[in-house]
Amino acid sequence: EVQLVESGGGLVQTGGSLRLSCAVAGFTSHDYTIGWFRQAPGKEREALCSISDDDFSTYHRTDALRDRFIISMNNARSMVFLQMNNLKPEDTAVYYCAGSEVSWFKMRGMNPIEFPYWGQGTQVTVSS
C-alpha cells in the first residue's frame, strides 16, 4: 500500500522560505512519479512540480515556479522535498504530495487524474 505523509508546513513571512517533506512508502515499481500540488481556499487544486524516482528528473509547471520552488528526492527514495523560497501571500494553501505509478518520462504535464495516491496535506500560510 502506497503511503505519502507530508510535513513541514507552517506560518512564514513574505520573502521567507519553507521546506516541505513527503515521506514515501509502498511503491513496488522503480519507475514512479511524485508530484507536489496545492489548493488555496476557493480555488482549484494546482500542480506545482514533479520528480522521477528513476533519475531525479524534474518538471515544473511554469518557469515562475522553477525560479522559487525546488523539488528533490533523497537517494533512498524515501523522502521528497519541496524547498520554497521568496514566499508570497498568494502561496498560502494546503500543499499535497501525490504519487503515480506512471513513469515521469511518460507523463505530459501533471494531470491530477494520473496521481491516485495522495497525502493528507500540510498548511502553508504566508503573512504579508
N, C-alpha and C. Protein backbone atom coordinates (compact mmCIF):
# COMPACT_ATOMS: atom_id res chain seq x y z
N GLU A 1 0.83 -1.19 0.00
CA GLU A 1 0.00 0.00 0.00
C GLU A 1 0.88 1.25 0.00
N VAL A 2 0.63 2.11 -0.95
CA VAL A 2 1.40 3.35 -1.04
C VAL A 2 0.94 4.32 0.05
N GLN A 3 1.90 4.90 0.73
CA GLN A 3 1.60 5.90 1.74
C GLN A 3 2.47 7.13 1.53
N LEU A 4 1.83 8.28 1.63
CA LEU A 4 2.52 9.56 1.49
C LEU A 4 2.13 10.42 2.69
N VAL A 5 3.13 10.96 3.36
CA VAL A 5 2.86 11.78 4.54
C VAL A 5 3.66 13.06 4.45
N GLU A 6 2.94 14.20 4.37
CA GLU A 6 3.61 15.49 4.29
C GLU A 6 3.90 16.05 5.68
N SER A 7 4.92 16.89 5.73
CA SER A 7 5.21 17.63 6.95
C SER A 7 5.99 18.89 6.57
N GLY A 8 6.10 19.80 7.54
CA GLY A 8 6.92 20.98 7.32
C GLY A 8 6.17 22.26 7.04
N GLY A 9 4.86 22.19 6.97
CA GLY A 9 4.10 23.41 6.75
C GLY A 9 4.14 24.31 7.97
N GLY A 10 3.63 25.52 7.80
CA GLY A 10 3.60 26.45 8.91
C GLY A 10 3.36 27.86 8.45
N LEU A 11 3.63 28.80 9.35
CA LEU A 11 3.45 30.22 9.09
C LEU A 11 4.80 30.86 8.81
N VAL A 12 4.87 31.61 7.73
CA VAL A 12 6.13 32.28 7.36
C VAL A 12 5.80 33.66 6.83
N GLN A 13 6.73 34.57 6.98
CA GLN A 13 6.53 35.92 6.47
C GLN A 13 6.86 36.01 4.99
N THR A 14 6.30 37.00 4.36
CA THR A 14 6.61 37.25 2.94
C THR A 14 8.11 37.35 2.74
N GLY A 15 8.60 36.67 1.72
CA GLY A 15 10.03 36.67 1.44
C GLY A 15 10.78 35.54 2.11
N GLY A 16 10.12 34.85 3.00
CA GLY A 16 10.77 33.76 3.72
C GLY A 16 10.80 32.47 2.93
N SER A 17 11.36 31.45 3.56
CA SER A 17 11.50 30.14 2.93
C SER A 17 10.90 29.07 3.83
N LEU A 18 10.53 27.98 3.19
CA LEU A 18 9.97 26.85 3.91
C LEU A 18 10.32 25.59 3.14
N ARG A 19 10.59 24.52 3.86
CA ARG A 19 10.89 23.25 3.22
C ARG A 19 9.86 22.21 3.64
N LEU A 20 9.13 21.72 2.68
CA LEU A 20 8.16 20.67 2.94
C LEU A 20 8.79 19.31 2.68
N SER A 21 8.34 18.32 3.43
CA SER A 21 8.82 16.96 3.26
C SER A 21 7.64 16.03 2.98
N CYS A 22 7.91 15.00 2.21
CA CYS A 22 6.91 13.98 1.94
C CYS A 22 7.57 12.63 2.13
N ALA A 23 7.13 11.89 3.13
CA ALA A 23 7.62 10.53 3.34
C ALA A 23 6.90 9.59 2.39
N VAL A 24 7.68 8.83 1.63
CA VAL A 24 7.14 7.97 0.57
C VAL A 24 7.37 6.52 0.94
N ALA A 25 6.33 5.70 0.85
CA ALA A 25 6.46 4.28 1.13
C ALA A 25 5.45 3.48 0.33
N GLY A 26 5.82 2.26 -0.02
CA GLY A 26 4.85 1.32 -0.59
C GLY A 26 4.91 1.11 -2.09
N PHE A 27 5.68 1.92 -2.81
CA PHE A 27 5.78 1.67 -4.25
C PHE A 27 6.56 0.39 -4.49
N THR A 28 6.06 -0.44 -5.37
CA THR A 28 6.73 -1.70 -5.66
C THR A 28 7.53 -1.63 -6.95
N SER A 29 7.22 -0.67 -7.80
CA SER A 29 8.00 -0.50 -9.02
C SER A 29 9.09 0.52 -8.78
N HIS A 30 10.05 0.56 -9.68
CA HIS A 30 11.14 1.54 -9.54
C HIS A 30 11.09 2.52 -10.70
N ASP A 31 9.91 2.98 -11.02
CA ASP A 31 9.77 3.96 -12.09
C ASP A 31 8.47 4.72 -11.87
N TYR A 32 8.43 5.48 -10.80
CA TYR A 32 7.21 6.19 -10.47
C TYR A 32 7.47 7.69 -10.37
N THR A 33 6.42 8.41 -10.13
CA THR A 33 6.49 9.88 -10.11
C THR A 33 5.88 10.40 -8.82
N ILE A 34 6.54 11.37 -8.24
CA ILE A 34 5.99 12.08 -7.08
C ILE A 34 5.81 13.54 -7.48
N GLY A 35 4.66 14.07 -7.18
CA GLY A 35 4.39 15.46 -7.51
C GLY A 35 3.94 16.25 -6.29
N TRP A 36 4.08 17.55 -6.37
CA TRP A 36 3.55 18.47 -5.37
C TRP A 36 2.44 19.29 -6.01
N PHE A 37 1.35 19.39 -5.28
CA PHE A 37 0.20 20.20 -5.67
C PHE A 37 -0.16 21.11 -4.51
N ARG A 38 -0.99 22.09 -4.77
CA ARG A 38 -1.50 22.92 -3.69
C ARG A 38 -2.93 23.34 -4.00
N GLN A 39 -3.65 23.66 -2.94
CA GLN A 39 -5.01 24.14 -3.11
C GLN A 39 -5.28 25.26 -2.12
N ALA A 40 -5.56 26.42 -2.66
CA ALA A 40 -5.91 27.57 -1.84
C ALA A 40 -7.43 27.60 -1.63
N PRO A 41 -7.89 28.24 -0.56
CA PRO A 41 -9.34 28.31 -0.30
C PRO A 41 -10.10 28.88 -1.49
N GLY A 42 -11.14 28.17 -1.91
CA GLY A 42 -11.97 28.65 -3.00
C GLY A 42 -11.38 28.49 -4.38
N LYS A 43 -10.22 27.84 -4.46
CA LYS A 43 -9.57 27.66 -5.76
C LYS A 43 -9.39 26.19 -6.08
N GLU A 44 -9.15 25.91 -7.36
CA GLU A 44 -8.92 24.54 -7.78
C GLU A 44 -7.51 24.10 -7.38
N ARG A 45 -7.36 22.78 -7.27
CA ARG A 45 -6.05 22.24 -6.98
C ARG A 45 -5.10 22.58 -8.12
N GLU A 46 -3.89 22.98 -7.77
CA GLU A 46 -2.91 23.47 -8.73
C GLU A 46 -1.66 22.60 -8.69
N ALA A 47 -1.22 22.17 -9.86
CA ALA A 47 0.01 21.39 -9.95
C ALA A 47 1.21 22.30 -9.86
N LEU A 48 2.25 21.84 -9.17
CA LEU A 48 3.46 22.64 -9.00
C LEU A 48 4.65 22.02 -9.73
N CYS A 49 5.07 20.86 -9.31
CA CYS A 49 6.27 20.24 -9.86
C CYS A 49 6.26 18.76 -9.55
N SER A 50 7.10 18.02 -10.28
CA SER A 50 7.16 16.58 -10.08
C SER A 50 8.58 16.10 -10.26
N ILE A 51 8.83 14.87 -9.80
CA ILE A 51 10.17 14.30 -9.87
C ILE A 51 10.08 12.81 -10.18
N SER A 52 11.05 12.35 -10.93
CA SER A 52 11.15 10.93 -11.25
C SER A 52 12.01 10.22 -10.22
N ASP A 53 11.55 9.07 -9.76
CA ASP A 53 12.38 8.32 -8.83
C ASP A 53 13.50 7.59 -9.56
N ASP A 54 13.42 7.53 -10.89
CA ASP A 54 14.43 6.80 -11.66
C ASP A 54 15.76 7.54 -11.70
N ASP A 55 15.71 8.80 -12.15
CA ASP A 55 16.96 9.57 -12.26
C ASP A 55 16.84 10.97 -11.70
N PHE A 56 15.76 11.22 -10.93
CA PHE A 56 15.52 12.51 -10.28
C PHE A 56 15.28 13.64 -11.27
N SER A 57 14.86 13.31 -12.47
CA SER A 57 14.45 14.36 -13.40
C SER A 57 13.27 15.11 -12.82
N THR A 58 13.21 16.41 -13.10
CA THR A 58 12.15 17.23 -12.52
C THR A 58 11.38 17.98 -13.60
N TYR A 59 10.16 18.32 -13.24
CA TYR A 59 9.27 19.10 -14.10
C TYR A 59 8.64 20.19 -13.24
N HIS A 60 8.60 21.40 -13.76
CA HIS A 60 7.87 22.48 -13.12
C HIS A 60 6.81 22.98 -14.09
N ARG A 61 5.63 23.23 -13.58
CA ARG A 61 4.55 23.61 -14.46
C ARG A 61 4.80 24.96 -15.12
N THR A 62 5.48 25.88 -14.44
CA THR A 62 5.79 27.18 -15.04
C THR A 62 7.23 27.56 -14.71
N ASP A 63 7.77 28.47 -15.48
CA ASP A 63 9.12 28.98 -15.20
C ASP A 63 9.14 29.75 -13.88
N ALA A 64 8.06 30.41 -13.57
CA ALA A 64 7.99 31.17 -12.32
C ALA A 64 8.12 30.24 -11.12
N LEU A 65 7.51 29.07 -11.21
CA LEU A 65 7.64 28.09 -10.13
C LEU A 65 9.07 27.56 -10.06
N ARG A 66 9.67 27.34 -11.21
CA ARG A 66 11.04 26.82 -11.23
C ARG A 66 12.00 27.80 -10.54
N ASP A 67 11.71 29.08 -10.65
CA ASP A 67 12.59 30.09 -10.04
C ASP A 67 12.56 30.06 -8.52
N ARG A 68 11.45 29.64 -7.93
CA ARG A 68 11.32 29.73 -6.48
C ARG A 68 11.17 28.38 -5.77
N PHE A 69 10.68 27.37 -6.46
CA PHE A 69 10.41 26.07 -5.83
C PHE A 69 11.37 25.02 -6.37
N ILE A 70 11.99 24.29 -5.45
CA ILE A 70 12.93 23.25 -5.82
C ILE A 70 12.43 21.91 -5.27
N ILE A 71 12.25 20.95 -6.18
CA ILE A 71 11.83 19.62 -5.75
C ILE A 71 13.04 18.70 -5.78
N SER A 72 13.13 17.83 -4.79
CA SER A 72 14.25 16.89 -4.73
C SER A 72 13.81 15.61 -4.03
N MET A 73 14.64 14.60 -4.18
CA MET A 73 14.37 13.30 -3.57
C MET A 73 15.67 12.76 -3.00
N ASN A 74 15.60 12.10 -1.86
CA ASN A 74 16.83 11.54 -1.30
C ASN A 74 17.20 10.26 -2.05
N ASN A 75 18.45 9.84 -1.88
CA ASN A 75 18.93 8.67 -2.62
C ASN A 75 18.17 7.40 -2.27
N ALA A 76 17.67 7.32 -1.07
CA ALA A 76 16.91 6.14 -0.65
C ALA A 76 15.50 6.11 -1.24
N ARG A 77 15.12 7.18 -1.91
CA ARG A 77 13.77 7.30 -2.49
C ARG A 77 12.69 7.22 -1.41
N SER A 78 13.03 7.60 -0.20
CA SER A 78 12.06 7.54 0.88
C SER A 78 11.47 8.90 1.24
N MET A 79 12.09 9.97 0.72
CA MET A 79 11.64 11.31 1.03
C MET A 79 11.68 12.18 -0.22
N VAL A 80 10.68 13.00 -0.38
CA VAL A 80 10.67 14.02 -1.42
C VAL A 80 10.50 15.36 -0.73
N PHE A 81 11.25 16.33 -1.19
CA PHE A 81 11.25 17.64 -0.55
C PHE A 81 10.78 18.72 -1.53
N LEU A 82 10.21 19.75 -0.96
CA LEU A 82 9.86 20.94 -1.74
C LEU A 82 10.41 22.15 -1.00
N GLN A 83 11.50 22.67 -1.52
CA GLN A 83 12.09 23.89 -0.97
C GLN A 83 11.42 25.08 -1.62
N MET A 84 10.79 25.92 -0.82
CA MET A 84 10.07 27.08 -1.34
C MET A 84 10.74 28.35 -0.85
N ASN A 85 11.15 29.19 -1.77
CA ASN A 85 11.88 30.40 -1.45
C ASN A 85 11.08 31.64 -1.89
N ASN A 86 11.44 32.76 -1.28
CA ASN A 86 10.79 34.03 -1.61
C ASN A 86 9.26 33.89 -1.62
N LEU A 87 8.75 33.38 -0.53
CA LEU A 87 7.32 33.10 -0.47
C LEU A 87 6.48 34.36 -0.46
N LYS A 88 5.30 34.25 -1.05
CA LYS A 88 4.38 35.37 -1.20
C LYS A 88 3.03 34.99 -0.58
N PRO A 89 2.24 35.97 -0.20
CA PRO A 89 0.92 35.65 0.37
C PRO A 89 0.08 34.75 -0.54
N GLU A 90 0.24 34.90 -1.84
CA GLU A 90 -0.54 34.07 -2.77
C GLU A 90 -0.08 32.61 -2.79
N ASP A 91 1.00 32.30 -2.10
CA ASP A 91 1.43 30.91 -1.95
C ASP A 91 0.69 30.21 -0.82
N THR A 92 -0.09 30.95 -0.08
CA THR A 92 -0.86 30.35 1.02
C THR A 92 -1.82 29.31 0.48
N ALA A 93 -1.72 28.10 1.00
CA ALA A 93 -2.54 26.99 0.51
C ALA A 93 -2.24 25.75 1.33
N VAL A 94 -3.02 24.72 1.11
CA VAL A 94 -2.68 23.39 1.60
C VAL A 94 -1.85 22.71 0.51
N TYR A 95 -0.70 22.20 0.89
CA TYR A 95 0.21 21.58 -0.05
C TYR A 95 0.14 20.06 0.10
N TYR A 96 0.03 19.40 -1.04
CA TYR A 96 -0.10 17.95 -1.08
C TYR A 96 1.03 17.33 -1.91
N CYS A 97 1.54 16.21 -1.43
CA CYS A 97 2.35 15.40 -2.33
C CYS A 97 1.47 14.26 -2.83
N ALA A 98 1.75 13.84 -4.03
CA ALA A 98 0.94 12.82 -4.68
C ALA A 98 1.85 11.87 -5.45
N GLY A 99 1.41 10.63 -5.54
CA GLY A 99 2.23 9.62 -6.20
C GLY A 99 1.52 8.96 -7.37
N SER A 100 2.32 8.59 -8.34
CA SER A 100 1.77 7.93 -9.53
C SER A 100 2.71 6.82 -9.97
N GLU A 101 2.12 5.72 -10.39
CA GLU A 101 2.93 4.64 -10.94
C GLU A 101 3.18 4.83 -12.43
N VAL A 102 2.72 5.92 -12.97
CA VAL A 102 3.05 6.29 -14.34
C VAL A 102 4.46 6.86 -14.33
N SER A 103 5.28 6.38 -15.20
CA SER A 103 6.65 6.87 -15.29
C SER A 103 6.67 8.37 -15.57
N TRP A 104 7.55 9.06 -14.91
CA TRP A 104 7.72 10.51 -15.15
C TRP A 104 7.98 10.75 -16.62
N PHE A 105 8.67 9.86 -17.29
CA PHE A 105 9.05 10.05 -18.69
C PHE A 105 7.85 9.90 -19.62
N LYS A 106 6.77 9.31 -19.14
CA LYS A 106 5.57 9.13 -19.95
C LYS A 106 4.53 10.21 -19.67
N MET A 107 4.71 10.97 -18.62
CA MET A 107 3.73 11.99 -18.29
C MET A 107 3.89 13.21 -19.18
N ARG A 108 2.77 13.84 -19.45
CA ARG A 108 2.76 15.12 -20.15
C ARG A 108 2.09 16.11 -19.21
N GLY A 109 2.90 16.90 -18.53
CA GLY A 109 2.35 17.80 -17.54
C GLY A 109 2.08 17.06 -16.24
N MET A 110 1.11 17.54 -15.49
CA MET A 110 0.76 16.92 -14.20
C MET A 110 -0.74 16.90 -14.05
N ASN A 111 -1.38 15.97 -14.69
CA ASN A 111 -2.82 15.83 -14.54
C ASN A 111 -3.11 15.10 -13.23
N PRO A 112 -3.85 15.73 -12.32
CA PRO A 112 -4.13 15.08 -11.03
C PRO A 112 -4.76 13.69 -11.18
N ILE A 113 -5.45 13.47 -12.28
CA ILE A 113 -6.09 12.17 -12.50
C ILE A 113 -5.05 11.06 -12.58
N GLU A 114 -3.83 11.38 -13.00
CA GLU A 114 -2.78 10.37 -13.11
C GLU A 114 -2.10 10.09 -11.78
N PHE A 115 -2.52 10.77 -10.72
CA PHE A 115 -1.92 10.58 -9.40
C PHE A 115 -2.98 9.98 -8.47
N PRO A 116 -3.01 8.67 -8.30
CA PRO A 116 -4.03 8.04 -7.46
C PRO A 116 -3.72 8.08 -5.97
N TYR A 117 -2.48 8.38 -5.60
CA TYR A 117 -2.09 8.35 -4.20
C TYR A 117 -1.80 9.77 -3.70
N TRP A 118 -2.41 10.12 -2.57
CA TRP A 118 -2.29 11.48 -2.04
C TRP A 118 -2.02 11.45 -0.54
N GLY A 119 -1.22 12.41 -0.11
CA GLY A 119 -1.04 12.62 1.31
C GLY A 119 -2.20 13.42 1.88
N GLN A 120 -2.13 13.69 3.17
CA GLN A 120 -3.22 14.39 3.84
C GLN A 120 -3.12 15.91 3.69
N GLY A 121 -1.97 16.39 3.26
CA GLY A 121 -1.78 17.82 3.06
C GLY A 121 -1.16 18.49 4.26
N THR A 122 -0.47 19.58 4.00
CA THR A 122 0.12 20.39 5.06
C THR A 122 -0.12 21.86 4.74
N GLN A 123 -0.54 22.61 5.74
CA GLN A 123 -0.92 24.01 5.54
C GLN A 123 0.31 24.91 5.51
N VAL A 124 0.36 25.76 4.50
CA VAL A 124 1.38 26.80 4.42
C VAL A 124 0.67 28.14 4.40
N THR A 125 1.04 29.01 5.32
CA THR A 125 0.45 30.34 5.40
C THR A 125 1.56 31.37 5.33
N VAL A 126 1.44 32.28 4.38
CA VAL A 126 2.43 33.33 4.20
C VAL A 126 1.79 34.66 4.57
N SER A 127 2.33 35.28 5.59
CA SER A 127 1.77 36.55 6.06
C SER A 127 2.41 37.71 5.33
N SER A 128 1.61 38.76 5.14
CA SER A 128 2.12 39.93 4.42
C SER A 128 2.73 40.93 5.37
